[in-house]
Amino acid sequence: MIYPRRRSMLSYFIKPFLYVLLLLSIFGLVWLRSSIISMEYRIGEMQKQKAEALKEKKTLAADLAALLSIQNMEGKNLVFPDRQRVFYVKRDKGGIPYIVSLRRK
């Protein structure tokens, strides 16, 4: 006499769990792909904004150069500084080391 195979209690839980896991992984892949595509769109928009900002930077630099040109300055009444009020600072200290501490002399 042939007895039918008995399915264990564990097999009743494994198959539904695997089906649910398969469905969740498919939905996860779809969600991941859609989030990557939306991120690519955002990156494209930011690159357009960057290109516009660089173009505006170049035009502003050209406008600044036009405003600071010598031809523009000739029409203004500029005064040269008085040589009596000019201070000259020597940067060469020679071989003297700098004192870097909080103590006072």
PDB file of N, CA and C in Angstrom:
ATOM      1  N   MET A   1       0.824  -1.168   0.000  1.00  0.00           N
ATOM      2  CA  MET A   1       0.000   0.000   0.000  1.00  0.00           C
ATOM      3  C   MET A   1       0.883   1.252   0.000  1.00  0.00           C
ATOM      4  N   ILE A   2       0.524   2.209  -0.827  1.00  0.00           N
ATOM      5  CA  ILE A   2       1.313   3.443  -0.939  1.00  0.00           C
ATOM      6  C   ILE A   2       0.588   4.542  -0.161  1.00  0.00           C
ATOM      7  N   TYR A   3       1.356   5.094   0.730  1.00  0.00           N
ATOM      8  CA  TYR A   3       0.792   6.164   1.547  1.00  0.00           C
ATOM      9  C   TYR A   3       1.051   7.508   0.869  1.00  0.00           C
ATOM     10  N   PRO A   4       0.105   8.417   0.889  1.00  0.00           N
ATOM     11  CA  PRO A   4       0.372   9.752   0.320  1.00  0.00           C
ATOM     12  C   PRO A   4       1.394  10.495   1.182  1.00  0.00           C
ATOM     13  N   ARG A   5       2.193  11.299   0.482  1.00  0.00           N
ATOM     14  CA  ARG A   5       3.227  12.057   1.232  1.00  0.00           C
ATOM     15  C   ARG A   5       2.568  13.087   2.105  1.00  0.00           C
ATOM     16  N   ARG A   6       3.033  13.158   3.241  1.00  0.00           N
ATOM     17  CA  ARG A   6       2.532  14.171   4.162  1.00  0.00           C
ATOM     18  C   ARG A   6       3.373  15.425   4.021  1.00  0.00           C
ATOM     19  N   ARG A   7       2.719  16.509   3.891  1.00  0.00           N
ATOM     20  CA  ARG A   7       3.456  17.769   3.838  1.00  0.00           C
ATOM     21  C   ARG A   7       3.666  18.261   5.259  1.00  0.00           C
ATOM     22  N   SER A   8       4.845  18.694   5.461  1.00  0.00           N
ATOM     23  CA  SER A   8       5.139  19.161   6.815  1.00  0.00           C
ATOM     24  C   SER A   8       4.514  20.538   7.032  1.00  0.00           C
ATOM     25  N   MET A   9       4.414  20.901   8.257  1.00  0.00           N
ATOM     26  CA  MET A   9       3.817  22.181   8.626  1.00  0.00           C
ATOM     27  C   MET A   9       4.651  23.339   8.095  1.00  0.00           C
ATOM     28  N   LEU A  10       5.952  23.116   7.990  1.00  0.00           N
ATOM     29  CA  LEU A  10       6.850  24.157   7.510  1.00  0.00           C
ATOM     30  C   LEU A  10       6.617  24.476   6.037  1.00  0.00           C
ATOM     31  N   SER A  11       6.277  23.492   5.234  1.00  0.00           N
ATOM     32  CA  SER A  11       6.053  23.728   3.805  1.00  0.00           C
ATOM     33  C   SER A  11       4.810  24.585   3.571  1.00  0.00           C
ATOM     34  N   TYR A  12       3.864  24.563   4.465  1.00  0.00           N
ATOM     35  CA  TYR A  12       2.682  25.412   4.336  1.00  0.00           C
ATOM     36  C   TYR A  12       3.026  26.885   4.515  1.00  0.00           C
ATOM     37  N   PHE A  13       4.083  27.167   5.213  1.00  0.00           N
ATOM     38  CA  PHE A  13       4.492  28.550   5.443  1.00  0.00           C
ATOM     39  C   PHE A  13       5.547  29.022   4.452  1.00  0.00           C
ATOM     40  N   ILE A  14       6.344  28.108   3.948  1.00  0.00           N
ATOM     41  CA  ILE A  14       7.447  28.511   3.067  1.00  0.00           C
ATOM     42  C   ILE A  14       6.947  28.970   1.701  1.00  0.00           C
ATOM     43  N   LYS A  15       6.041  28.223   1.087  1.00  0.00           N
ATOM     44  CA  LYS A  15       5.562  28.603  -0.246  1.00  0.00           C
ATOM     45  C   LYS A  15       4.879  29.967  -0.251  1.00  0.00           C
ATOM     46  N   PRO A  16       3.936  30.251   0.637  1.00  0.00           N
ATOM     47  CA  PRO A  16       3.344  31.602   0.621  1.00  0.00           C
ATOM     48  C   PRO A  16       4.374  32.692   0.919  1.00  0.00           C
ATOM     49  N   PHE A  17       5.301  32.365   1.811  1.00  0.00           N
ATOM     50  CA  PHE A  17       6.353  33.348   2.118  1.00  0.00           C
ATOM     51  C   PHE A  17       7.196  33.640   0.886  1.00  0.00           C
ATOM     52  N   LEU A  18       7.539  32.619   0.104  1.00  0.00           N
ATOM     53  CA  LEU A  18       8.328  32.822  -1.105  1.00  0.00           C
ATOM     54  C   LEU A  18       7.553  33.614  -2.151  1.00  0.00           C
ATOM     55  N   TYR A  19       6.242  33.368  -2.274  1.00  0.00           N
ATOM     56  CA  TYR A  19       5.423  34.142  -3.214  1.00  0.00           C
ATOM     57  C   TYR A  19       5.365  35.618  -2.817  1.00  0.00           C
ATOM     58  N   VAL A  20       5.178  35.845  -1.536  1.00  0.00           N
ATOM     59  CA  VAL A  20       5.133  37.225  -1.050  1.00  0.00           C
ATOM     60  C   VAL A  20       6.495  37.896  -1.249  1.00  0.00           C
ATOM     61  N   LEU A  21       7.546  37.152  -0.990  1.00  0.00           N
ATOM     62  CA  LEU A  21       8.892  37.692  -1.178  1.00  0.00           C
ATOM     63  C   LEU A  21       9.151  38.019  -2.647  1.00  0.00           C
ATOM     64  N   LEU A  22       8.682  37.184  -3.545  1.00  0.00           N
ATOM     65  CA  LEU A  22       8.828  37.427  -4.975  1.00  0.00           C
ATOM     66  C   LEU A  22       8.061  38.685  -5.389  1.00  0.00           C
ATOM     67  N   LEU A  23       6.843  38.826  -4.922  1.00  0.00           N
ATOM     68  CA  LEU A  23       6.060  40.024  -5.246  1.00  0.00           C
ATOM     69  C   LEU A  23       6.704  41.289  -4.690  1.00  0.00           C
ATOM     70  N   LEU A  24       7.171  41.222  -3.455  1.00  0.00           N
ATOM     71  CA  LEU A  24       7.818  42.390  -2.853  1.00  0.00           C
ATOM     72  C   LEU A  24       9.096  42.762  -3.588  1.00  0.00           C
ATOM     73  N   SER A  25       9.856  41.790  -4.031  1.00  0.00           N
ATOM     74  CA  SER A  25      11.090  42.101  -4.755  1.00  0.00           C
ATOM     75  C   SER A  25      10.780  42.722  -6.119  1.00  0.00           C
ATOM     76  N   ILE A  26       9.704  42.257  -6.790  1.00  0.00           N
ATOM     77  CA  ILE A  26       9.326  42.866  -8.075  1.00  0.00           C
ATOM     78  C   ILE A  26       8.891  44.311  -7.867  1.00  0.00           C
ATOM     79  N   PHE A  27       8.053  44.560  -6.861  1.00  0.00           N
ATOM     80  CA  PHE A  27       7.643  45.931  -6.574  1.00  0.00           C
ATOM     81  C   PHE A  27       8.832  46.790  -6.154  1.00  0.00           C
ATOM     82  N   GLY A  28       9.750  46.207  -5.428  1.00  0.00           N
ATOM     83  CA  GLY A  28      10.957  46.948  -5.030  1.00  0.00           C
ATOM     84  C   GLY A  28      11.796  47.342  -6.225  1.00  0.00           C
ATOM     85  N   LEU A  29      11.948  46.455  -7.180  1.00  0.00           N
ATOM     86  CA  LEU A  29      12.715  46.784  -8.389  1.00  0.00           C
ATOM     87  C   LEU A  29      12.040  47.883  -9.200  1.00  0.00           C
ATOM     88  N   VAL A  30      10.718  47.810  -9.323  1.00  0.00           N
ATOM     89  CA  VAL A  30       9.980  48.850 -10.056  1.00  0.00           C
ATOM     90  C   VAL A  30      10.127  50.193  -9.354  1.00  0.00           C
ATOM     91  N   TRP A  31      10.003  50.202  -8.016  1.00  0.00           N
ATOM     92  CA  TRP A  31      10.147  51.450  -7.270  1.00  0.00           C
ATOM     93  C   TRP A  31      11.567  52.004  -7.423  1.00  0.00           C
ATOM     94  N   LEU A  32      12.571  51.142  -7.354  1.00  0.00           N
ATOM     95  CA  LEU A  32      13.954  51.583  -7.483  1.00  0.00           C
ATOM     96  C   LEU A  32      14.204  52.189  -8.861  1.00  0.00           C
ATOM     97  N   ARG A  33      13.695  51.550  -9.899  1.00  0.00           N
ATOM     98  CA  ARG A  33      13.877  52.073 -11.255  1.00  0.00           C
ATOM     99  C   ARG A  33      13.189  53.422 -11.421  1.00  0.00           C
ATOM    100  N   SER A  34      11.972  53.561 -10.900  1.00  0.00           N
ATOM    101  CA  SER A  34      11.265  54.836 -11.038  1.00  0.00           C
ATOM    102  C   SER A  34      11.956  55.944 -10.247  1.00  0.00           C
ATOM    103  N   SER A  35      12.510  55.618  -9.086  1.00  0.00           N
ATOM    104  CA  SER A  35      13.217  56.645  -8.312  1.00  0.00           C
ATOM    105  C   SER A  35      14.509  57.068  -9.011  1.00  0.00           C
ATOM    106  N   ILE A  36      15.185  56.146  -9.672  1.00  0.00           N
ATOM    107  CA  ILE A  36      16.404  56.492 -10.412  1.00  0.00           C
ATOM    108  C   ILE A  36      16.064  57.385 -11.597  1.00  0.00           C
ATOM    109  N   ILE A  37      14.971  57.079 -12.295  1.00  0.00           N
ATOM    110  CA  ILE A  37      14.569  57.904 -13.437  1.00  0.00           C
ATOM    111  C   ILE A  37      14.196  59.301 -12.983  1.00  0.00           C
ATOM    112  N   SER A  38      13.453  59.430 -11.883  1.00  0.00           N
ATOM    113  CA  SER A  38      13.099  60.765 -11.392  1.00  0.00           C
ATOM    114  C   SER A  38      14.343  61.526 -10.941  1.00  0.00           C
ATOM    115  N   MET A  39      15.329  60.824 -10.381  1.00  0.00           N
ATOM    116  CA  MET A  39      16.569  61.478  -9.984  1.00  0.00           C
ATOM    117  C   MET A  39      17.333  61.981 -11.210  1.00  0.00           C
ATOM    118  N   GLU A  40      17.308  61.210 -12.302  1.00  0.00           N
ATOM    119  CA  GLU A  40      17.958  61.647 -13.535  1.00  0.00           C
ATOM    120  C   GLU A  40      17.304  62.919 -14.073  1.00  0.00           C
ATOM    121  N   TYR A  41      15.977  63.008 -13.995  1.00  0.00           N
ATOM    122  CA  TYR A  41      15.285  64.220 -14.426  1.00  0.00           C
ATOM    123  C   TYR A  41      15.705  65.420 -13.576  1.00  0.00           C
ATOM    124  N   ARG A  42      15.790  65.212 -12.261  1.00  0.00           N
ATOM    125  CA  ARG A  42      16.214  66.312 -11.382  1.00  0.00           C
ATOM    126  C   ARG A  42      17.642  66.741 -11.683  1.00  0.00           C
ATOM    127  N   ILE A  43      18.521  65.783 -11.969  1.00  0.00           N
ATOM    128  CA  ILE A  43      19.913  66.113 -12.314  1.00  0.00           C
ATOM    129  C   ILE A  43      19.950  66.920 -13.602  1.00  0.00           C
ATOM    130  N   GLY A  44      19.125  66.546 -14.585  1.00  0.00           N
ATOM    131  CA  GLY A  44      19.057  67.292 -15.838  1.00  0.00           C
ATOM    132  C   GLY A  44      18.595  68.724 -15.628  1.00  0.00           C
ATOM    133  N   GLU A  45      17.589  68.919 -14.765  1.00  0.00           N
ATOM    134  CA  GLU A  45      17.118  70.268 -14.462  1.00  0.00           C
ATOM    135  C   GLU A  45      18.203  71.082 -13.772  1.00  0.00           C
ATOM    136  N   MET A  46      18.926  70.470 -12.862  1.00  0.00           N
ATOM    137  CA  MET A  46      19.999  71.186 -12.161  1.00  0.00           C
ATOM    138  C   MET A  46      21.136  71.540 -13.110  1.00  0.00           C
ATOM    139  N   GLN A  47      21.419  70.682 -14.081  1.00  0.00           N
ATOM    140  CA  GLN A  47      22.455  71.007 -15.061  1.00  0.00           C
ATOM    141  C   GLN A  47      22.028  72.180 -15.929  1.00  0.00           C
ATOM    142  N   LYS A  48      20.731  72.267 -16.258  1.00  0.00           N
ATOM    143  CA  LYS A  48      20.235  73.422 -17.009  1.00  0.00           C
ATOM    144  C   LYS A  48      20.385  74.700 -16.178  1.00  0.00           C
ATOM    145  N   GLN A  49      20.047  74.616 -14.895  1.00  0.00           N
ATOM    146  CA  GLN A  49      20.198  75.780 -14.018  1.00  0.00           C
ATOM    147  C   GLN A  49      21.657  76.185 -13.909  1.00  0.00           C
ATOM    148  N   LYS A  50      22.561  75.212 -13.846  1.00  0.00           N
ATOM    149  CA  LYS A  50      23.994  75.513 -13.759  1.00  0.00           C
ATOM    150  C   LYS A  50      24.459  76.213 -15.028  1.00  0.00           C
ATOM    151  N   ALA A  51      24.003  75.726 -16.195  1.00  0.00           N
ATOM    152  CA  ALA A  51      24.401  76.350 -17.458  1.00  0.00           C
ATOM    153  C   ALA A  51      23.885  77.787 -17.538  1.00  0.00           C
ATOM    154  N   GLU A  52      22.651  78.019 -17.081  1.00  0.00           N
ATOM    155  CA  GLU A  52      22.108  79.377 -17.069  1.00  0.00           C
ATOM    156  C   GLU A  52      22.888  80.275 -16.115  1.00  0.00           C
ATOM    157  N   ALA A  53      23.254  79.738 -14.947  1.00  0.00           N
ATOM    158  CA  ALA A  53      24.015  80.532 -13.980  1.00  0.00           C
ATOM    159  C   ALA A  53      25.402  80.882 -14.532  1.00  0.00           C
ATOM    160  N   LEU A  54      26.049  79.938 -15.218  1.00  0.00           N
ATOM    161  CA  LEU A  54      27.361  80.222 -15.805  1.00  0.00           C
ATOM    162  C   LEU A  54      27.248  81.270 -16.908  1.00  0.00           C
ATOM    163  N   LYS A  55      26.176  81.195 -17.695  1.00  0.00           N
ATOM    164  CA  LYS A  55      25.972  82.181 -18.744  1.00  0.00           C
ATOM    165  C   LYS A  55      25.761  83.570 -18.138  1.00  0.00           C
ATOM    166  N   GLU A  56      24.971  83.631 -17.052  1.00  0.00           N
ATOM    167  CA  GLU A  56      24.741  84.904 -16.381  1.00  0.00           C
ATOM    168  C   GLU A  56      26.029  85.425 -15.748  1.00  0.00           C
ATOM    169  N   LYS A  57      26.852  84.521 -15.209  1.00  0.00           N
ATOM    170  CA  LYS A  57      28.131  84.927 -14.616  1.00  0.00           C
ATOM    171  C   LYS A  57      29.028  85.566 -15.666  1.00  0.00           C
ATOM    172  N   LYS A  58      29.059  84.985 -16.863  1.00  0.00           N
ATOM    173  CA  LYS A  58      29.896  85.538 -17.930  1.00  0.00           C
ATOM    174  C   LYS A  58      29.405  86.912 -18.362  1.00  0.00           C
ATOM    175  N   THR A  59      28.088  87.079 -18.467  1.00  0.00           N
ATOM    176  CA  THR A  59      27.569  88.400 -18.863  1.00  0.00           C
ATOM    177  C   THR A  59      27.837  89.431 -17.776  1.00  0.00           C
ATOM    178  N   LEU A  60      27.712  89.042 -16.519  1.00  0.00           N
ATOM    179  CA  LEU A  60      28.000  89.985 -15.431  1.00  0.00           C
ATOM    180  C   LEU A  60      29.478  90.351 -15.397  1.00  0.00           C
ATOM    181  N   ALA A  61      30.356  89.387 -15.666  1.00  0.00           N
ATOM    182  CA  ALA A  61      31.790  89.694 -15.712  1.00  0.00           C
ATOM    183  C   ALA A  61      32.092  90.644 -16.856  1.00  0.00           C
ATOM    184  N   ALA A  62      31.426  90.464 -17.988  1.00  0.00           N
ATOM    185  CA  ALA A  62      31.624  91.376 -19.124  1.00  0.00           C
ATOM    186  C   ALA A  62      31.101  92.763 -18.783  1.00  0.00           C
ATOM    187  N   ASP A  63      29.960  92.850 -18.113  1.00  0.00           N
ATOM    188  CA  ASP A  63      29.423  94.149 -17.698  1.00  0.00           C
ATOM    189  C   ASP A  63      30.361  94.833 -16.706  1.00  0.00           C
ATOM    190  N   LEU A  64      30.927  94.076 -15.786  1.00  0.00           N
ATOM    191  CA  LEU A  64      31.865  94.651 -14.815  1.00  0.00           C
ATOM    192  C   LEU A  64      33.115  95.161 -15.504  1.00  0.00           C
ATOM    193  N   ALA A  65      33.618  94.400 -16.463  1.00  0.00           N
ATOM    194  CA  ALA A  65      34.803  94.841 -17.198  1.00  0.00           C
ATOM    195  C   ALA A  65      34.507  96.108 -17.988  1.00  0.00           C
ATOM    196  N   ALA A  66      33.304  96.205 -18.524  1.00  0.00           N
ATOM    197  CA  ALA A  66      32.937  97.426 -19.263  1.00  0.00           C
ATOM    198  C   ALA A  66      32.835  98.615 -18.325  1.00  0.00           C
ATOM    199  N   LEU A  67      32.316  98.394 -17.121  1.00  0.00           N
ATOM    200  CA  LEU A  67      32.189  99.505 -16.163  1.00  0.00           C
ATOM    201  C   LEU A  67      33.544  99.949 -15.631  1.00  0.00           C
ATOM    202  N   LEU A  68      34.486  99.016 -15.497  1.00  0.00           N
ATOM    203  CA  LEU A  68      35.788  99.354 -14.932  1.00  0.00           C
ATOM    204  C   LEU A  68      36.833  99.696 -15.991  1.00  0.00           C
ATOM    205  N   SER A  69      36.426  99.804 -17.224  1.00  0.00           N
ATOM    206  CA  SER A  69      37.398 100.100 -18.269  1.00  0.00           C
ATOM    207  C   SER A  69      37.941 101.518 -18.115  1.00  0.00           C
ATOM    208  N   ILE A  70      39.109 101.752 -18.680  1.00  0.00           N
ATOM    209  CA  ILE A  70      39.768 103.063 -18.570  1.00  0.00           C
ATOM    210  C   ILE A  70      38.953 104.134 -19.277  1.00  0.00           C
ATOM    211  N   GLN A  71      38.308 103.792 -20.360  1.00  0.00           N
ATOM    212  CA  GLN A  71      37.497 104.777 -21.076  1.00  0.00           C
ATOM    213  C   GLN A  71      36.371 105.285 -20.197  1.00  0.00           C
ATOM    214  N   ASN A  72      35.807 104.447 -19.373  1.00  0.00           N
ATOM    215  CA  ASN A  72      34.764 104.884 -18.450  1.00  0.00           C
ATOM    216  C   ASN A  72      35.344 105.757 -17.347  1.00  0.00           C
ATOM    217  N   MET A  73      36.557 105.476 -16.923  1.00  0.00           N
ATOM    218  CA  MET A  73      37.169 106.203 -15.813  1.00  0.00           C
ATOM    219  C   MET A  73      37.657 107.589 -16.239  1.00  0.00           C
ATOM    220  N   GLU A  74      37.929 107.796 -17.505  1.00  0.00           N
ATOM    221  CA  GLU A  74      38.449 109.081 -17.943  1.00  0.00           C
ATOM    222  C   GLU A  74      37.441 110.194 -17.758  1.00  0.00           C
ATOM    223  N   GLY A  75      36.181 109.913 -17.884  1.00  0.00           N
ATOM    224  CA  GLY A  75      35.153 110.944 -17.760  1.00  0.00           C
ATOM    225  C   GLY A  75      34.909 111.358 -16.317  1.00  0.00           C
ATOM    226  N   LYS A  76      35.303 110.578 -15.379  1.00  0.00           N
ATOM    227  CA  LYS A  76      35.061 110.865 -13.958  1.00  0.00           C
ATOM    228  C   LYS A  76      36.167 111.778 -13.425  1.00  0.00           C
ATOM    229  N   ASN A  77      35.854 112.520 -12.396  1.00  0.00           N
ATOM    230  CA  ASN A  77      36.847 113.386 -11.750  1.00  0.00           C
ATOM    231  C   ASN A  77      37.513 112.612 -10.623  1.00  0.00           C
ATOM    232  N   LEU A  78      38.529 111.859 -10.964  1.00  0.00           N
ATOM    233  CA  LEU A  78      39.248 111.094  -9.970  1.00  0.00           C
ATOM    234  C   LEU A  78      40.407 111.913  -9.430  1.00  0.00           C
ATOM    235  N   VAL A  79      40.645 111.780  -8.146  1.00  0.00           N
ATOM    236  CA  VAL A  79      41.710 112.525  -7.486  1.00  0.00           C
ATOM    237  C   VAL A  79      42.776 111.535  -7.049  1.00  0.00           C
ATOM    238  N   PHE A  80      44.022 111.827  -7.366  1.00  0.00           N
ATOM    239  CA  PHE A  80      45.110 110.974  -6.919  1.00  0.00           C
ATOM    240  C   PHE A  80      45.337 111.201  -5.432  1.00  0.00           C
ATOM    241  N   PRO A  81      45.740 110.208  -4.687  1.00  0.00           N
ATOM    242  CA  PRO A  81      45.932 110.366  -3.241  1.00  0.00           C
ATOM    243  C   PRO A  81      47.102 111.294  -2.937  1.00  0.00           C
ATOM    244  N   ASP A  82      46.985 111.970  -1.802  1.00  0.00           N
ATOM    245  CA  ASP A  82      48.034 112.868  -1.339  1.00  0.00           C
ATOM    246  C   ASP A  82      49.201 112.024  -0.847  1.00  0.00           C
ATOM    247  N   ARG A  83      50.389 112.287  -1.340  1.00  0.00           N
ATOM    248  CA  ARG A  83      51.563 111.493  -0.991  1.00  0.00           C
ATOM    249  C   ARG A  83      51.961 111.661   0.482  1.00  0.00           C
ATOM    250  N   GLN A  84      51.502 112.689   1.140  1.00  0.00           N
ATOM    251  CA  GLN A  84      51.837 112.915   2.540  1.00  0.00           C
ATOM    252  C   GLN A  84      51.108 111.909   3.454  1.00  0.00           C
ATOM    253  N   ARG A  85      49.951 111.425   3.026  1.00  0.00           N
ATOM    254  CA  ARG A  85      49.139 110.550   3.868  1.00  0.00           C
ATOM    255  C   ARG A  85      49.296 109.070   3.513  1.00  0.00           C
ATOM    256  N   VAL A  86      50.238 108.718   2.718  1.00  0.00           N
ATOM    257  CA  VAL A  86      50.428 107.339   2.314  1.00  0.00           C
ATOM    258  C   VAL A  86      51.395 106.656   3.274  1.00  0.00           C
ATOM    259  N   PHE A  87      51.044 105.483   3.763  1.00  0.00           N
ATOM    260  CA  PHE A  87      51.893 104.712   4.649  1.00  0.00           C
ATOM    261  C   PHE A  87      52.475 103.547   3.865  1.00  0.00           C
ATOM    262  N   TYR A  88      53.755 103.333   4.035  1.00  0.00           N
ATOM    263  CA  TYR A  88      54.413 102.209   3.383  1.00  0.00           C
ATOM    264  C   TYR A  88      54.727 101.170   4.445  1.00  0.00           C
ATOM    265  N   VAL A  89      54.372  99.943   4.188  1.00  0.00           N
ATOM    266  CA  VAL A  89      54.606  98.853   5.128  1.00  0.00           C
ATOM    267  C   VAL A  89      55.618  97.912   4.499  1.00  0.00           C
ATOM    268  N   LYS A  90      56.698  97.683   5.239  1.00  0.00           N
ATOM    269  CA  LYS A  90      57.716  96.759   4.758  1.00  0.00           C
ATOM    270  C   LYS A  90      57.322  95.348   5.167  1.00  0.00           C
ATOM    271  N   ARG A  91      57.328  94.453   4.210  1.00  0.00           N
ATOM    272  CA  ARG A  91      56.952  93.073   4.500  1.00  0.00           C
ATOM    273  C   ARG A  91      58.162  92.228   4.876  1.00  0.00           C
ATOM    274  N   ASP A  92      59.340  92.647   4.549  1.00  0.00           N
ATOM    275  CA  ASP A  92      60.530  91.856   4.814  1.00  0.00           C
ATOM    276  C   ASP A  92      60.980  92.097   6.246  1.00  0.00           C
ATOM    277  N   LYS A  93      60.876  91.090   7.074  1.00  0.00           N
ATOM    278  CA  LYS A  93      61.297  91.197   8.469  1.00  0.00           C
ATOM    279  C   LYS A  93      62.722  90.702   8.655  1.00  0.00           C
ATOM    280  N   GLY A  94      63.310  90.153   7.639  1.00  0.00           N
ATOM    281  CA  GLY A  94      64.664  89.627   7.779  1.00  0.00           C
ATOM    282  C   GLY A  94      64.637  88.273   8.446  1.00  0.00           C
ATOM    283  N   GLY A  95      65.626  87.999   9.252  1.00  0.00           N
ATOM    284  CA  GLY A  95      65.730  86.706   9.914  1.00  0.00           C
ATOM    285  C   GLY A  95      65.095  86.672  11.273  1.00  0.00           C
ATOM    286  N   ILE A  96      64.278  87.648  11.625  1.00  0.00           N
ATOM    287  CA  ILE A  96      63.680  87.700  12.957  1.00  0.00           C
ATOM    288  C   ILE A  96      62.490  86.742  13.000  1.00  0.00           C
ATOM    289  N   PRO A  97      62.479  85.809  13.958  1.00  0.00           N
ATOM    290  CA  PRO A  97      61.328  84.903  14.054  1.00  0.00           C
ATOM    291  C   PRO A  97      60.128  85.620  14.675  1.00  0.00           C
ATOM    292  N   TYR A  98      58.988  85.202  14.304  1.00  0.00           N
ATOM    293  CA  TYR A  98      57.766  85.758  14.870  1.00  0.00           C
ATOM    294  C   TYR A  98      57.484  85.087  16.201  1.00  0.00           C
ATOM    295  N   ILE A  99      56.978  85.865  17.158  1.00  0.00           N
ATOM    296  CA  ILE A  99      56.604  85.309  18.449  1.00  0.00           C
ATOM    297  C   ILE A  99      55.114  84.972  18.389  1.00  0.00           C
ATOM    298  N   VAL A 100      54.833  83.706  18.544  1.00  0.00           N
ATOM    299  CA  VAL A 100      53.445  83.252  18.484  1.00  0.00           C
ATOM    300  C   VAL A 100      53.076  82.713  19.842  1.00  0.00           C
ATOM    301  N   SER A 101      52.626  83.586  20.711  1.00  0.00           N
ATOM    302  CA  SER A 101      52.168  83.150  22.030  1.00  0.00           C
ATOM    303  C   SER A 101      51.318  84.245  22.616  1.00  0.00           C
ATOM    304  N   LEU A 102      50.737  83.977  23.764  1.00  0.00           N
ATOM    305  CA  LEU A 102      49.881  84.950  24.413  1.00  0.00           C
ATOM    306  C   LEU A 102      50.607  85.765  25.473  1.00  0.00           C
ATOM    307  N   ARG A 103      51.865  85.492  25.675  1.00  0.00           N
ATOM    308  CA  ARG A 103      52.590  86.240  26.718  1.00  0.00           C
ATOM    309  C   ARG A 103      52.897  87.644  26.217  1.00  0.00           C
ATOM    310  N   ARG A 104      52.939  88.552  27.116  1.00  0.00           N
ATOM    311  CA  ARG A 104      53.216  89.950  26.764  1.00  0.00           C
ATOM    312  C   ARG A 104      54.650  90.290  27.102  1.00  0.00           C
ATOM    313  N   LYS A 105      55.177  91.219  26.353  1.00  0.00           N
ATOM    314  CA  LYS A 105      56.574  91.619  26.592  1.00  0.00           C
ATOM    315  C   LYS A 105      56.693  92.518  27.788  1.00  0.00           C
TER     316      LYS A 105
END
